[in-house]
């Protein structure tokens, strides 16, 4: 296989990997969560541990509860 052929196979896998890595952040942004920035920070710094990625995903999927103050 020629050396230049590797460049054709790398971007789709890299793009898919980045999409999957930042999936919790993408879901939080699509759902207009109030704490998208915090989910992004958790995902960015601890997403590689898989436990951090799962926590960010659960946080992104969790419903925001409206607090009524009197």
C-alpha atoms as a PDB file:
ATOM      1  CA  UNK A   1       0.000   0.000   0.000  1.00  0.00           C
ATOM      2  CA  UNK A   2       1.510   3.374  -0.942  1.00  0.00           C
ATOM      3  CA  UNK A   3       2.322   5.839   1.811  1.00  0.00           C
ATOM      4  CA  UNK A   4      -0.133   8.470   0.535  1.00  0.00           C
ATOM      5  CA  UNK A   5      -3.031   5.980   0.855  1.00  0.00           C
ATOM      6  CA  UNK A   6      -2.870   6.255   4.658  1.00  0.00           C
ATOM      7  CA  UNK A   7      -3.962   9.885   4.407  1.00  0.00           C
ATOM      8  CA  UNK A   8      -7.224   8.814   2.804  1.00  0.00           C
ATOM      9  CA  UNK A   9      -8.091   6.391   5.605  1.00  0.00           C
ATOM     10  CA  UNK A  10      -7.007   8.507   8.589  1.00  0.00           C
ATOM     11  CA  UNK A  11      -9.448  11.489   8.486  1.00  0.00           C
ATOM     12  CA  UNK A  12     -12.683   9.472   8.635  1.00  0.00           C
ATOM     13  CA  UNK A  13     -11.490   7.503  11.659  1.00  0.00           C
ATOM     14  CA  UNK A  14     -10.094  10.637  13.319  1.00  0.00           C
ATOM     15  CA  UNK A  15     -13.329  12.519  12.687  1.00  0.00           C
ATOM     16  CA  UNK A  16     -15.468   9.649  13.978  1.00  0.00           C
ATOM     17  CA  UNK A  17     -13.247   9.343  17.052  1.00  0.00           C
ATOM     18  CA  UNK A  18     -13.553  13.048  17.824  1.00  0.00           C
ATOM     19  CA  UNK A  19     -17.312  12.876  17.295  1.00  0.00           C
ATOM     20  CA  UNK A  20     -17.618   9.979  19.729  1.00  0.00           C
ATOM     21  CA  UNK A  21     -15.255  11.578  22.254  1.00  0.00           C
ATOM     22  CA  UNK A  22     -17.258  14.818  22.358  1.00  0.00           C
ATOM     23  CA  UNK A  23     -20.671  13.141  22.068  1.00  0.00           C
ATOM     24  CA  UNK A  24     -21.730  14.215  25.605  1.00  0.00           C
ATOM     25  CA  UNK A  25     -20.883  17.836  24.790  1.00  0.00           C
ATOM     26  CA  UNK A  26     -22.722  17.657  21.469  1.00  0.00           C
ATOM     27  CA  UNK A  27     -25.809  16.183  23.159  1.00  0.00           C
ATOM     28  CA  UNK A  28     -25.729  18.831  25.897  1.00  0.00           C
ATOM     29  CA  UNK A  29     -25.470  21.625  23.322  1.00  0.00           C
ATOM     30  CA  UNK A  30     -28.292  20.147  21.233  1.00  0.00           C
ATOM     31  CA  UNK A  31     -30.529  19.901  24.305  1.00  0.00           C
ATOM     32  CA  UNK A  32     -29.685  23.517  25.361  1.00  0.00           C
ATOM     33  CA  UNK A  33     -28.444  22.492  28.787  1.00  0.00           C
ATOM     34  CA  UNK A  34     -27.633  25.304  31.206  1.00  0.00           C
ATOM     35  CA  UNK A  35     -24.237  23.802  32.065  1.00  0.00           C
ATOM     36  CA  UNK A  36     -22.833  22.974  28.616  1.00  0.00           C
ATOM     37  CA  UNK A  37     -19.506  24.597  29.515  1.00  0.00           C
ATOM     38  CA  UNK A  38     -19.088  22.413  32.608  1.00  0.00           C
ATOM     39  CA  UNK A  39     -19.966  19.281  30.632  1.00  0.00           C
ATOM     40  CA  UNK A  40     -17.422  20.293  27.982  1.00  0.00           C
ATOM     41  CA  UNK A  41     -14.690  20.796  30.597  1.00  0.00           C
ATOM     42  CA  UNK A  42     -15.415  17.421  32.200  1.00  0.00           C
ATOM     43  CA  UNK A  43     -15.527  15.760  28.797  1.00  0.00           C
ATOM     44  CA  UNK A  44     -12.337  17.460  27.602  1.00  0.00           C
ATOM     45  CA  UNK A  45     -10.202  16.687  30.659  1.00  0.00           C
ATOM     46  CA  UNK A  46     -11.640  13.386  31.917  1.00  0.00           C
ATOM     47  CA  UNK A  47     -13.361  11.902  28.866  1.00  0.00           C
ATOM     48  CA  UNK A  48     -10.349   9.733  28.082  1.00  0.00           C
ATOM     49  CA  UNK A  49     -10.861   7.798  31.334  1.00  0.00           C
ATOM     50  CA  UNK A  50     -14.206   6.406  30.086  1.00  0.00           C
ATOM     51  CA  UNK A  51     -15.635   6.888  33.590  1.00  0.00           C
ATOM     52  CA  UNK A  52     -15.433  10.642  33.015  1.00  0.00           C
ATOM     53  CA  UNK A  53     -17.002  10.155  29.580  1.00  0.00           C
ATOM     54  CA  UNK A  54     -19.885   8.154  31.075  1.00  0.00           C
ATOM     55  CA  UNK A  55     -20.450  10.790  33.785  1.00  0.00           C
ATOM     56  CA  UNK A  56     -20.492  13.551  31.152  1.00  0.00           C
ATOM     57  CA  UNK A  57     -22.920  11.538  29.005  1.00  0.00           C
ATOM     58  CA  UNK A  58     -25.298  10.899  31.913  1.00  0.00           C
ATOM     59  CA  UNK A  59     -25.086  14.583  32.903  1.00  0.00           C
ATOM     60  CA  UNK A  60     -25.878  15.612  29.327  1.00  0.00           C
ATOM     61  CA  UNK A  61     -28.874  13.269  29.159  1.00  0.00           C
ATOM     62  CA  UNK A  62     -30.245  14.240  32.569  1.00  0.00           C
ATOM     63  CA  UNK A  63     -33.267  16.545  32.572  1.00  0.00           C
ATOM     64  CA  UNK A  64     -32.873  20.038  34.021  1.00  0.00           C
ATOM     65  CA  UNK A  65     -35.266  20.590  36.888  1.00  0.00           C
ATOM     66  CA  UNK A  66     -36.782  24.028  37.240  1.00  0.00           C
ATOM     67  CA  UNK A  67     -36.457  25.415  40.743  1.00  0.00           C
ATOM     68  CA  UNK A  68     -39.303  27.694  41.803  1.00  0.00           C
ATOM     69  CA  UNK A  69     -38.323  30.292  44.368  1.00  0.00           C
ATOM     70  CA  UNK A  70     -40.862  32.276  46.342  1.00  0.00           C
END
